[in-house]
Amino acid sequence: MARWRRQRARAGRPDESGADFVSVHNHSINAMFRYVPRPVRCPAVILKAGVDERTRLRLHRELSGLYTAVEVRPVAGDHWTVMDSRNAPDLAAQLDRALRRYDPLTQEEHH
């Protein structure tokens, strides 16, 4: 029975509970596309896996108007492996550096 529900859900057909998972997913995506973020008074550090220099600069440029400071830092791995045992130490070190640089309580930069 569980396999049948998973197959129907993947196909976008509601099961006997009436849940149409594909429709809910698509409505959520549509809502996200309409969202326009407002600037906030805090720094942002983006830890991005698999980013090249061109993409890093583009992200920095696009986000700079939304935060008091923006850093886009490359981290090892990709979307699927960034938190595996090989790449987690690099991710943790980057996160630690970001937290040390920007005091999360006062949002003051510490250089």
PDB file of N, CA and C in Angstrom:
ATOM      1  N   MET A   1       0.815  -1.186   0.000  1.00  0.00           N
ATOM      2  CA  MET A   1       0.000   0.000   0.000  1.00  0.00           C
ATOM      3  C   MET A   1       0.866   1.260   0.000  1.00  0.00           C
ATOM      4  N   ALA A   2       1.938   1.282   0.808  1.00  0.00           N
ATOM      5  CA  ALA A   2       2.800   2.460   0.879  1.00  0.00           C
ATOM      6  C   ALA A   2       3.449   2.730  -0.474  1.00  0.00           C
ATOM      7  N   ARG A   3       3.851   1.678  -1.172  1.00  0.00           N
ATOM      8  CA  ARG A   3       4.465   1.851  -2.490  1.00  0.00           C
ATOM      9  C   ARG A   3       3.475   2.478  -3.450  1.00  0.00           C
ATOM     10  N   TRP A   4       2.242   2.066  -3.418  1.00  0.00           N
ATOM     11  CA  TRP A   4       1.202   2.613  -4.277  1.00  0.00           C
ATOM     12  C   TRP A   4       1.018   4.107  -4.013  1.00  0.00           C
ATOM     13  N   ARG A   5       1.012   4.507  -2.735  1.00  0.00           N
ATOM     14  CA  ARG A   5       0.874   5.923  -2.396  1.00  0.00           C
ATOM     15  C   ARG A   5       2.051   6.744  -2.925  1.00  0.00           C
ATOM     16  N   ARG A   6       3.262   6.223  -2.760  1.00  0.00           N
ATOM     17  CA  ARG A   6       4.442   6.941  -3.258  1.00  0.00           C
ATOM     18  C   ARG A   6       4.376   7.107  -4.763  1.00  0.00           C
ATOM     19  N   GLN A   7       3.983   6.067  -5.475  1.00  0.00           N
ATOM     20  CA  GLN A   7       3.900   6.143  -6.930  1.00  0.00           C
ATOM     21  C   GLN A   7       2.843   7.157  -7.361  1.00  0.00           C
ATOM     22  N   ARG A   8       1.693   7.168  -6.705  1.00  0.00           N
ATOM     23  CA  ARG A   8       0.642   8.123  -7.057  1.00  0.00           C
ATOM     24  C   ARG A   8       1.076   9.549  -6.719  1.00  0.00           C
ATOM     25  N   ALA A   9       1.779   9.705  -5.613  1.00  0.00           N
ATOM     26  CA  ALA A   9       2.254  11.039  -5.234  1.00  0.00           C
ATOM     27  C   ALA A   9       3.260  11.560  -6.251  1.00  0.00           C
ATOM     28  N   ARG A  10       4.176  10.691  -6.699  1.00  0.00           N
ATOM     29  CA  ARG A  10       5.147  11.091  -7.709  1.00  0.00           C
ATOM     30  C   ARG A  10       4.469  11.455  -9.013  1.00  0.00           C
ATOM     31  N   ALA A  11       3.380  10.812  -9.323  1.00  0.00           N
ATOM     32  CA  ALA A  11       2.664  11.066 -10.565  1.00  0.00           C
ATOM     33  C   ALA A  11       1.744  12.280 -10.448  1.00  0.00           C
ATOM     34  N   GLY A  12       1.653  12.876  -9.267  1.00  0.00           N
ATOM     35  CA  GLY A  12       0.817  14.046  -9.085  1.00  0.00           C
ATOM     36  C   GLY A  12      -0.649  13.719  -8.878  1.00  0.00           C
ATOM     37  N   ARG A  13      -0.940  12.490  -8.539  1.00  0.00           N
ATOM     38  CA  ARG A  13      -2.319  12.084  -8.307  1.00  0.00           C
ATOM     39  C   ARG A  13      -2.562  11.969  -6.806  1.00  0.00           C
ATOM     40  N   PRO A  14      -3.674  12.484  -6.338  1.00  0.00           N
ATOM     41  CA  PRO A  14      -3.953  12.360  -4.910  1.00  0.00           C
ATOM     42  C   PRO A  14      -4.214  10.910  -4.520  1.00  0.00           C
ATOM     43  N   ASP A  15      -3.790  10.549  -3.313  1.00  0.00           N
ATOM     44  CA  ASP A  15      -4.146   9.225  -2.806  1.00  0.00           C
ATOM     45  C   ASP A  15      -5.493   9.332  -2.098  1.00  0.00           C
ATOM     46  N   GLU A  16      -5.894   8.297  -1.390  1.00  0.00           N
ATOM     47  CA  GLU A  16      -7.221   8.323  -0.764  1.00  0.00           C
ATOM     48  C   GLU A  16      -7.351   9.373   0.339  1.00  0.00           C
ATOM     49  N   SER A  17      -6.239   9.912   0.815  1.00  0.00           N
ATOM     50  CA  SER A  17      -6.318  10.959   1.827  1.00  0.00           C
ATOM     51  C   SER A  17      -6.645  12.314   1.208  1.00  0.00           C
ATOM     52  N   GLY A  18      -6.596  12.393  -0.102  1.00  0.00           N
ATOM     53  CA  GLY A  18      -6.925  13.631  -0.792  1.00  0.00           C
ATOM     54  C   GLY A  18      -5.745  14.569  -0.970  1.00  0.00           C
ATOM     55  N   ALA A  19      -4.557  14.171  -0.537  1.00  0.00           N
ATOM     56  CA  ALA A  19      -3.392  15.040  -0.648  1.00  0.00           C
ATOM     57  C   ALA A  19      -2.847  15.028  -2.071  1.00  0.00           C
ATOM     58  N   ASP A  20      -2.727  16.187  -2.663  1.00  0.00           N
ATOM     59  CA  ASP A  20      -2.134  16.321  -3.991  1.00  0.00           C
ATOM     60  C   ASP A  20      -0.775  16.989  -3.813  1.00  0.00           C
ATOM     61  N   PHE A  21       0.237  16.172  -3.585  1.00  0.00           N
ATOM     62  CA  PHE A  21       1.548  16.679  -3.222  1.00  0.00           C
ATOM     63  C   PHE A  21       2.183  17.537  -4.311  1.00  0.00           C
ATOM     64  N   VAL A  22       2.003  17.179  -5.565  1.00  0.00           N
ATOM     65  CA  VAL A  22       2.590  17.957  -6.655  1.00  0.00           C
ATOM     66  C   VAL A  22       1.964  19.346  -6.701  1.00  0.00           C
ATOM     67  N   SER A  23       0.661  19.419  -6.544  1.00  0.00           N
ATOM     68  CA  SER A  23      -0.024  20.709  -6.555  1.00  0.00           C
ATOM     69  C   SER A  23       0.455  21.595  -5.400  1.00  0.00           C
ATOM     70  N   VAL A  24       0.588  21.030  -4.218  1.00  0.00           N
ATOM     71  CA  VAL A  24       1.069  21.792  -3.063  1.00  0.00           C
ATOM     72  C   VAL A  24       2.491  22.281  -3.324  1.00  0.00           C
ATOM     73  N   HIS A  25       3.327  21.406  -3.844  1.00  0.00           N
ATOM     74  CA  HIS A  25       4.708  21.779  -4.171  1.00  0.00           C
ATOM     75  C   HIS A  25       4.723  22.935  -5.169  1.00  0.00           C
ATOM     76  N   ASN A  26       3.952  22.822  -6.239  1.00  0.00           N
ATOM     77  CA  ASN A  26       3.949  23.855  -7.271  1.00  0.00           C
ATOM     78  C   ASN A  26       3.416  25.187  -6.745  1.00  0.00           C
ATOM     79  N   HIS A  27       2.407  25.146  -5.900  1.00  0.00           N
ATOM     80  CA  HIS A  27       1.903  26.383  -5.306  1.00  0.00           C
ATOM     81  C   HIS A  27       2.967  27.030  -4.423  1.00  0.00           C
ATOM     82  N   SER A  28       3.727  26.227  -3.704  1.00  0.00           N
ATOM     83  CA  SER A  28       4.799  26.763  -2.864  1.00  0.00           C
ATOM     84  C   SER A  28       5.870  27.430  -3.719  1.00  0.00           C
ATOM     85  N   ILE A  29       6.244  26.798  -4.812  1.00  0.00           N
ATOM     86  CA  ILE A  29       7.248  27.369  -5.713  1.00  0.00           C
ATOM     87  C   ILE A  29       6.741  28.688  -6.290  1.00  0.00           C
ATOM     88  N   ASN A  30       5.497  28.721  -6.725  1.00  0.00           N
ATOM     89  CA  ASN A  30       4.923  29.952  -7.267  1.00  0.00           C
ATOM     90  C   ASN A  30       4.926  31.073  -6.232  1.00  0.00           C
ATOM     91  N   ALA A  31       4.628  30.747  -4.983  1.00  0.00           N
ATOM     92  CA  ALA A  31       4.651  31.752  -3.921  1.00  0.00           C
ATOM     93  C   ALA A  31       6.070  32.283  -3.711  1.00  0.00           C
ATOM     94  N   MET A  32       7.070  31.413  -3.778  1.00  0.00           N
ATOM     95  CA  MET A  32       8.452  31.849  -3.600  1.00  0.00           C
ATOM     96  C   MET A  32       8.882  32.782  -4.732  1.00  0.00           C
ATOM     97  N   PHE A  33       8.428  32.532  -5.951  1.00  0.00           N
ATOM     98  CA  PHE A  33       8.795  33.395  -7.073  1.00  0.00           C
ATOM     99  C   PHE A  33       8.230  34.805  -6.908  1.00  0.00           C
ATOM    100  N   ARG A  34       7.122  34.954  -6.226  1.00  0.00           N
ATOM    101  CA  ARG A  34       6.519  36.275  -6.015  1.00  0.00           C
ATOM    102  C   ARG A  34       7.173  37.038  -4.865  1.00  0.00           C
ATOM    103  N   TYR A  35       7.930  36.347  -4.030  1.00  0.00           N
ATOM    104  CA  TYR A  35       8.548  36.969  -2.862  1.00  0.00           C
ATOM    105  C   TYR A  35       9.680  37.898  -3.286  1.00  0.00           C
ATOM    106  N   VAL A  36       9.673  39.111  -2.777  1.00  0.00           N
ATOM    107  CA  VAL A  36      10.748  40.065  -3.022  1.00  0.00           C
ATOM    108  C   VAL A  36      11.316  40.453  -1.657  1.00  0.00           C
ATOM    109  N   PRO A  37      12.545  40.035  -1.366  1.00  0.00           N
ATOM    110  CA  PRO A  37      13.112  40.339  -0.046  1.00  0.00           C
ATOM    111  C   PRO A  37      13.413  41.820   0.111  1.00  0.00           C
ATOM    112  N   ARG A  38      13.275  42.293   1.334  1.00  0.00           N
ATOM    113  CA  ARG A  38      13.632  43.673   1.673  1.00  0.00           C
ATOM    114  C   ARG A  38      15.027  43.663   2.270  1.00  0.00           C
ATOM    115  N   PRO A  39      15.725  44.780   2.134  1.00  0.00           N
ATOM    116  CA  PRO A  39      17.057  44.853   2.758  1.00  0.00           C
ATOM    117  C   PRO A  39      16.960  44.693   4.279  1.00  0.00           C
ATOM    118  N   VAL A  40      17.985  44.087   4.843  1.00  0.00           N
ATOM    119  CA  VAL A  40      18.067  43.926   6.293  1.00  0.00           C
ATOM    120  C   VAL A  40      19.404  44.489   6.765  1.00  0.00           C
ATOM    121  N   ARG A  41      19.428  44.956   8.003  1.00  0.00           N
ATOM    122  CA  ARG A  41      20.632  45.569   8.547  1.00  0.00           C
ATOM    123  C   ARG A  41      21.489  44.533   9.263  1.00  0.00           C
ATOM    124  N   CYS A  42      22.069  43.657   8.493  1.00  0.00           N
ATOM    125  CA  CYS A  42      22.982  42.656   9.045  1.00  0.00           C
ATOM    126  C   CYS A  42      23.884  42.155   7.925  1.00  0.00           C
ATOM    127  N   PRO A  43      25.006  41.589   8.283  1.00  0.00           N
ATOM    128  CA  PRO A  43      25.869  40.990   7.263  1.00  0.00           C
ATOM    129  C   PRO A  43      25.350  39.608   6.854  1.00  0.00           C
ATOM    130  N   ALA A  44      25.787  39.161   5.699  1.00  0.00           N
ATOM    131  CA  ALA A  44      25.442  37.812   5.225  1.00  0.00           C
ATOM    132  C   ALA A  44      26.709  37.121   4.749  1.00  0.00           C
ATOM    133  N   VAL A  45      26.854  35.874   5.136  1.00  0.00           N
ATOM    134  CA  VAL A  45      27.943  35.037   4.647  1.00  0.00           C
ATOM    135  C   VAL A  45      27.292  33.848   3.963  1.00  0.00           C
ATOM    136  N   ILE A  46      27.543  33.704   2.667  1.00  0.00           N
ATOM    137  CA  ILE A  46      26.979  32.609   1.881  1.00  0.00           C
ATOM    138  C   ILE A  46      28.087  31.581   1.689  1.00  0.00           C
ATOM    139  N   LEU A  47      27.863  30.384   2.183  1.00  0.00           N
ATOM    140  CA  LEU A  47      28.806  29.279   2.011  1.00  0.00           C
ATOM    141  C   LEU A  47      28.278  28.449   0.854  1.00  0.00           C
ATOM    142  N   LYS A  48      28.916  28.555  -0.299  1.00  0.00           N
ATOM    143  CA  LYS A  48      28.389  27.985  -1.539  1.00  0.00           C
ATOM    144  C   LYS A  48      29.296  26.871  -2.042  1.00  0.00           C
ATOM    145  N   ALA A  49      28.724  25.698  -2.181  1.00  0.00           N
ATOM    146  CA  ALA A  49      29.481  24.554  -2.698  1.00  0.00           C
ATOM    147  C   ALA A  49      29.546  24.629  -4.221  1.00  0.00           C
ATOM    148  N   GLY A  50      30.692  24.267  -4.747  1.00  0.00           N
ATOM    149  CA  GLY A  50      30.855  24.164  -6.195  1.00  0.00           C
ATOM    150  C   GLY A  50      30.756  25.483  -6.931  1.00  0.00           C
ATOM    151  N   VAL A  51      31.130  26.575  -6.294  1.00  0.00           N
ATOM    152  CA  VAL A  51      31.014  27.887  -6.927  1.00  0.00           C
ATOM    153  C   VAL A  51      32.342  28.275  -7.575  1.00  0.00           C
ATOM    154  N   ASP A  52      32.260  28.814  -8.777  1.00  0.00           N
ATOM    155  CA  ASP A  52      33.466  29.343  -9.413  1.00  0.00           C
ATOM    156  C   ASP A  52      33.538  30.850  -9.144  1.00  0.00           C
ATOM    157  N   GLU A  53      34.645  31.470  -9.534  1.00  0.00           N
ATOM    158  CA  GLU A  53      34.856  32.886  -9.228  1.00  0.00           C
ATOM    159  C   GLU A  53      33.801  33.777  -9.882  1.00  0.00           C
ATOM    160  N   ARG A  54      33.435  33.476 -11.089  1.00  0.00           N
ATOM    161  CA  ARG A  54      32.419  34.280 -11.793  1.00  0.00           C
ATOM    162  C   ARG A  54      31.071  34.243 -11.052  1.00  0.00           C
ATOM    163  N   THR A  55      30.660  33.059 -10.642  1.00  0.00           N
ATOM    164  CA  THR A  55      29.401  32.915  -9.916  1.00  0.00           C
ATOM    165  C   THR A  55      29.496  33.562  -8.542  1.00  0.00           C
ATOM    166  N   ARG A  56      30.636  33.421  -7.897  1.00  0.00           N
ATOM    167  CA  ARG A  56      30.832  34.041  -6.592  1.00  0.00           C
ATOM    168  C   ARG A  56      30.676  35.553  -6.683  1.00  0.00           C
ATOM    169  N   LEU A  57      31.276  36.151  -7.694  1.00  0.00           N
ATOM    170  CA  LEU A  57      31.171  37.597  -7.881  1.00  0.00           C
ATOM    171  C   LEU A  57      29.742  38.019  -8.231  1.00  0.00           C
ATOM    172  N   ARG A  58      29.060  37.218  -9.040  1.00  0.00           N
ATOM    173  CA  ARG A  58      27.677  37.531  -9.402  1.00  0.00           C
ATOM    174  C   ARG A  58      26.775  37.503  -8.175  1.00  0.00           C
ATOM    175  N   LEU A  59      26.917  36.467  -7.344  1.00  0.00           N
ATOM    176  CA  LEU A  59      26.121  36.386  -6.122  1.00  0.00           C
ATOM    177  C   LEU A  59      26.411  37.570  -5.199  1.00  0.00           C
ATOM    178  N   HIS A  60      27.676  37.909  -5.070  1.00  0.00           N
ATOM    179  CA  HIS A  60      28.050  39.047  -4.234  1.00  0.00           C
ATOM    180  C   HIS A  60      27.378  40.316  -4.745  1.00  0.00           C
ATOM    181  N   ARG A  61      27.455  40.554  -6.023  1.00  0.00           N
ATOM    182  CA  ARG A  61      26.860  41.747  -6.629  1.00  0.00           C
ATOM    183  C   ARG A  61      25.343  41.775  -6.421  1.00  0.00           C
ATOM    184  N   GLU A  62      24.677  40.648  -6.658  1.00  0.00           N
ATOM    185  CA  GLU A  62      23.220  40.598  -6.561  1.00  0.00           C
ATOM    186  C   GLU A  62      22.720  40.752  -5.127  1.00  0.00           C
ATOM    187  N   LEU A  63      23.489  40.312  -4.149  1.00  0.00           N
ATOM    188  CA  LEU A  63      23.045  40.354  -2.758  1.00  0.00           C
ATOM    189  C   LEU A  63      23.524  41.586  -1.995  1.00  0.00           C
ATOM    190  N   SER A  64      24.470  42.318  -2.543  1.00  0.00           N
ATOM    191  CA  SER A  64      25.070  43.439  -1.817  1.00  0.00           C
ATOM    192  C   SER A  64      24.068  44.496  -1.398  1.00  0.00           C
ATOM    193  N   GLY A  65      23.024  44.714  -2.153  1.00  0.00           N
ATOM    194  CA  GLY A  65      22.035  45.718  -1.784  1.00  0.00           C
ATOM    195  C   GLY A  65      21.089  45.295  -0.680  1.00  0.00           C
ATOM    196  N   LEU A  66      21.164  44.042  -0.284  1.00  0.00           N
ATOM    197  CA  LEU A  66      20.232  43.533   0.728  1.00  0.00           C
ATOM    198  C   LEU A  66      20.813  43.467   2.135  1.00  0.00           C
ATOM    199  N   TYR A  67      22.141  43.541   2.260  1.00  0.00           N
ATOM    200  CA  TYR A  67      22.794  43.355   3.555  1.00  0.00           C
ATOM    201  C   TYR A  67      23.848  44.434   3.776  1.00  0.00           C
ATOM    202  N   THR A  68      24.269  44.621   5.017  1.00  0.00           N
ATOM    203  CA  THR A  68      25.309  45.602   5.313  1.00  0.00           C
ATOM    204  C   THR A  68      26.667  45.151   4.791  1.00  0.00           C
ATOM    205  N   ALA A  69      26.881  43.874   4.688  1.00  0.00           N
ATOM    206  CA  ALA A  69      28.106  43.302   4.129  1.00  0.00           C
ATOM    207  C   ALA A  69      27.750  41.921   3.572  1.00  0.00           C
ATOM    208  N   VAL A  70      28.411  41.534   2.502  1.00  0.00           N
ATOM    209  CA  VAL A  70      28.168  40.223   1.896  1.00  0.00           C
ATOM    210  C   VAL A  70      29.507  39.563   1.614  1.00  0.00           C
ATOM    211  N   GLU A  71      29.615  38.319   2.027  1.00  0.00           N
ATOM    212  CA  GLU A  71      30.752  37.475   1.660  1.00  0.00           C
ATOM    213  C   GLU A  71      30.193  36.198   1.043  1.00  0.00           C
ATOM    214  N   VAL A  72      30.711  35.821  -0.102  1.00  0.00           N
ATOM    215  CA  VAL A  72      30.356  34.545  -0.705  1.00  0.00           C
ATOM    216  C   VAL A  72      31.624  33.707  -0.675  1.00  0.00           C
ATOM    217  N   ARG A  73      31.587  32.646   0.116  1.00  0.00           N
ATOM    218  CA  ARG A  73      32.767  31.799   0.307  1.00  0.00           C
ATOM    219  C   ARG A  73      32.544  30.429  -0.322  1.00  0.00           C
ATOM    220  N   PRO A  74      33.483  29.994  -1.152  1.00  0.00           N
ATOM    221  CA  PRO A  74      33.369  28.640  -1.692  1.00  0.00           C
ATOM    222  C   PRO A  74      33.677  27.596  -0.621  1.00  0.00           C
ATOM    223  N   VAL A  75      32.954  26.505  -0.643  1.00  0.00           N
ATOM    224  CA  VAL A  75      33.224  25.378   0.248  1.00  0.00           C
ATOM    225  C   VAL A  75      33.347  24.114  -0.601  1.00  0.00           C
ATOM    226  N   ALA A  76      34.024  23.123  -0.045  1.00  0.00           N
ATOM    227  CA  ALA A  76      34.284  21.879  -0.762  1.00  0.00           C
ATOM    228  C   ALA A  76      33.007  21.078  -0.964  1.00  0.00           C
ATOM    229  N   GLY A  77      32.986  20.312  -2.034  1.00  0.00           N
ATOM    230  CA  GLY A  77      31.863  19.429  -2.305  1.00  0.00           C
ATOM    231  C   GLY A  77      30.866  20.043  -3.268  1.00  0.00           C
ATOM    232  N   ASP A  78      29.701  19.419  -3.297  1.00  0.00           N
ATOM    233  CA  ASP A  78      28.600  19.922  -4.108  1.00  0.00           C
ATOM    234  C   ASP A  78      27.335  19.863  -3.254  1.00  0.00           C
ATOM    235  N   HIS A  79      26.194  20.112  -3.876  1.00  0.00           N
ATOM    236  CA  HIS A  79      24.936  20.135  -3.133  1.00  0.00           C
ATOM    237  C   HIS A  79      24.737  18.873  -2.295  1.00  0.00           C
ATOM    238  N   TRP A  80      25.135  17.729  -2.829  1.00  0.00           N
ATOM    239  CA  TRP A  80      24.883  16.444  -2.171  1.00  0.00           C
ATOM    240  C   TRP A  80      25.975  16.051  -1.192  1.00  0.00           C
ATOM    241  N   THR A  81      27.210  16.558  -1.383  1.00  0.00           N
ATOM    242  CA  THR A  81      28.328  16.067  -0.574  1.00  0.00           C
ATOM    243  C   THR A  81      28.914  17.110   0.372  1.00  0.00           C
ATOM    244  N   VAL A  82      28.378  18.314   0.404  1.00  0.00           N
ATOM    245  CA  VAL A  82      28.961  19.378   1.211  1.00  0.00           C
ATOM    246  C   VAL A  82      29.014  19.006   2.695  1.00  0.00           C
ATOM    247  N   MET A  83      28.097  18.159   3.147  1.00  0.00           N
ATOM    248  CA  MET A  83      28.074  17.803   4.567  1.00  0.00           C
ATOM    249  C   MET A  83      28.528  16.370   4.836  1.00  0.00           C
ATOM    250  N   ASP A  84      29.153  15.725   3.857  1.00  0.00           N
ATOM    251  CA  ASP A  84      29.623  14.371   4.133  1.00  0.00           C
ATOM    252  C   ASP A  84      30.939  14.433   4.913  1.00  0.00           C
ATOM    253  N   SER A  85      31.432  13.281   5.304  1.00  0.00           N
ATOM    254  CA  SER A  85      32.594  13.238   6.211  1.00  0.00           C
ATOM    255  C   SER A  85      33.854  13.861   5.611  1.00  0.00           C
ATOM    256  N   ARG A  86      33.972  13.872   4.291  1.00  0.00           N
ATOM    257  CA  ARG A  86      35.153  14.486   3.664  1.00  0.00           C
ATOM    258  C   ARG A  86      35.080  16.010   3.692  1.00  0.00           C
ATOM    259  N   ASN A  87      33.891  16.569   3.503  1.00  0.00           N
ATOM    260  CA  ASN A  87      33.753  18.008   3.328  1.00  0.00           C
ATOM    261  C   ASN A  87      33.252  18.750   4.564  1.00  0.00           C
ATOM    262  N   ALA A  88      32.687  18.036   5.517  1.00  0.00           N
ATOM    263  CA  ALA A  88      32.143  18.679   6.713  1.00  0.00           C
ATOM    264  C   ALA A  88      33.191  19.474   7.497  1.00  0.00           C
ATOM    265  N   PRO A  89      34.434  19.004   7.629  1.00  0.00           N
ATOM    266  CA  PRO A  89      35.415  19.808   8.369  1.00  0.00           C
ATOM    267  C   PRO A  89      35.657  21.180   7.734  1.00  0.00           C
ATOM    268  N   ASP A  90      35.717  21.243   6.400  1.00  0.00           N
ATOM    269  CA  ASP A  90      35.897  22.525   5.715  1.00  0.00           C
ATOM    270  C   ASP A  90      34.677  23.415   5.940  1.00  0.00           C
ATOM    271  N   LEU A  91      33.500  22.853   5.832  1.00  0.00           N
ATOM    272  CA  LEU A  91      32.268  23.614   6.055  1.00  0.00           C
ATOM    273  C   LEU A  91      32.232  24.153   7.489  1.00  0.00           C
ATOM    274  N   ALA A  92      32.574  23.315   8.446  1.00  0.00           N
ATOM    275  CA  ALA A  92      32.577  23.741   9.850  1.00  0.00           C
ATOM    276  C   ALA A  92      33.598  24.853  10.081  1.00  0.00           C
ATOM    277  N   ALA A  93      34.767  24.752   9.481  1.00  0.00           N
ATOM    278  CA  ALA A  93      35.794  25.784   9.640  1.00  0.00           C
ATOM    279  C   ALA A  93      35.332  27.108   9.034  1.00  0.00           C
ATOM    280  N   GLN A  94      34.701  27.045   7.868  1.00  0.00           N
ATOM    281  CA  GLN A  94      34.181  28.262   7.229  1.00  0.00           C
ATOM    282  C   GLN A  94      33.099  28.897   8.099  1.00  0.00           C
ATOM    283  N   LEU A  95      32.225  28.078   8.628  1.00  0.00           N
ATOM    284  CA  LEU A  95      31.147  28.580   9.489  1.00  0.00           C
ATOM    285  C   LEU A  95      31.728  29.209  10.757  1.00  0.00           C
ATOM    286  N   ASP A  96      32.723  28.562  11.346  1.00  0.00           N
ATOM    287  CA  ASP A  96      33.368  29.097  12.541  1.00  0.00           C
ATOM    288  C   ASP A  96      34.011  30.456  12.253  1.00  0.00           C
ATOM    289  N   ARG A  97      34.703  30.573  11.115  1.00  0.00           N
ATOM    290  CA  ARG A  97      35.318  31.853  10.740  1.00  0.00           C
ATOM    291  C   ARG A  97      34.263  32.937  10.549  1.00  0.00           C
ATOM    292  N   ALA A  98      33.146  32.587   9.913  1.00  0.00           N
ATOM    293  CA  ALA A  98      32.079  33.566   9.691  1.00  0.00           C
ATOM    294  C   ALA A  98      31.493  34.039  11.015  1.00  0.00           C
ATOM    295  N   LEU A  99      31.271  33.124  11.940  1.00  0.00           N
ATOM    296  CA  LEU A  99      30.706  33.505  13.238  1.00  0.00           C
ATOM    297  C   LEU A  99      31.677  34.347  14.058  1.00  0.00           C
ATOM    298  N   ARG A 100      32.954  34.067  13.907  1.00  0.00           N
ATOM    299  CA  ARG A 100      33.953  34.871  14.624  1.00  0.00           C
ATOM    300  C   ARG A 100      34.081  36.261  14.017  1.00  0.00           C
ATOM    301  N   ARG A 101      33.913  36.362  12.716  1.00  0.00           N
ATOM    302  CA  ARG A 101      34.053  37.658  12.045  1.00  0.00           C
ATOM    303  C   ARG A 101      32.878  38.576  12.348  1.00  0.00           C
ATOM    304  N   TYR A 102      31.687  38.029  12.385  1.00  0.00           N
ATOM    305  CA  TYR A 102      30.493  38.831  12.627  1.00  0.00           C
ATOM    306  C   TYR A 102      29.852  38.383  13.926  1.00  0.00           C
ATOM    307  N   ASP A 103      29.851  39.255  14.913  1.00  0.00           N
ATOM    308  CA  ASP A 103      29.258  38.946  16.204  1.00  0.00           C
ATOM    309  C   ASP A 103      27.749  38.829  16.027  1.00  0.00           C
ATOM    310  N   PRO A 104      27.159  37.651  16.235  1.00  0.00           N
ATOM    311  CA  PRO A 104      25.734  37.460  15.963  1.00  0.00           C
ATOM    312  C   PRO A 104      24.822  38.238  16.907  1.00  0.00           C
ATOM    313  N   LEU A 105      25.320  38.695  18.058  1.00  0.00           N
ATOM    314  CA  LEU A 105      24.483  39.432  18.985  1.00  0.00           C
ATOM    315  C   LEU A 105      24.410  40.915  18.675  1.00  0.00           C
ATOM    316  N   THR A 106      25.519  41.484  18.272  1.00  0.00           N
ATOM    317  CA  THR A 106      25.547  42.933  18.025  1.00  0.00           C
ATOM    318  C   THR A 106      25.623  43.277  16.542  1.00  0.00           C
ATOM    319  N   GLN A 107      25.906  42.269  15.712  1.00  0.00           N
ATOM    320  CA  GLN A 107      26.081  42.466  14.279  1.00  0.00           C
ATOM    321  C   GLN A 107      27.217  43.428  13.969  1.00  0.00           C
ATOM    322  N   GLU A 108      28.160  43.545  14.887  1.00  0.00           N
ATOM    323  CA  GLU A 108      29.341  44.360  14.632  1.00  0.00           C
ATOM    324  C   GLU A 108      30.396  43.497  13.975  1.00  0.00           C
ATOM    325  N   GLU A 109      31.099  44.083  13.034  1.00  0.00           N
ATOM    326  CA  GLU A 109      32.167  43.350  12.357  1.00  0.00           C
ATOM    327  C   GLU A 109      33.411  43.325  13.242  1.00  0.00           C
ATOM    328  N   HIS A 110      34.053  42.165  13.326  1.00  0.00           N
ATOM    329  CA  HIS A 110      35.311  42.008  14.055  1.00  0.00           C
ATOM    330  C   HIS A 110      36.361  41.570  13.049  1.00  0.00           C
ATOM    331  N   HIS A 111      37.316  42.411  12.795  1.00  0.00           N
ATOM    332  CA  HIS A 111      38.345  42.067  11.792  1.00  0.00           C
ATOM    333  C   HIS A 111      39.624  41.663  12.450  1.00  0.00           C
TER     334      HIS A 111
END
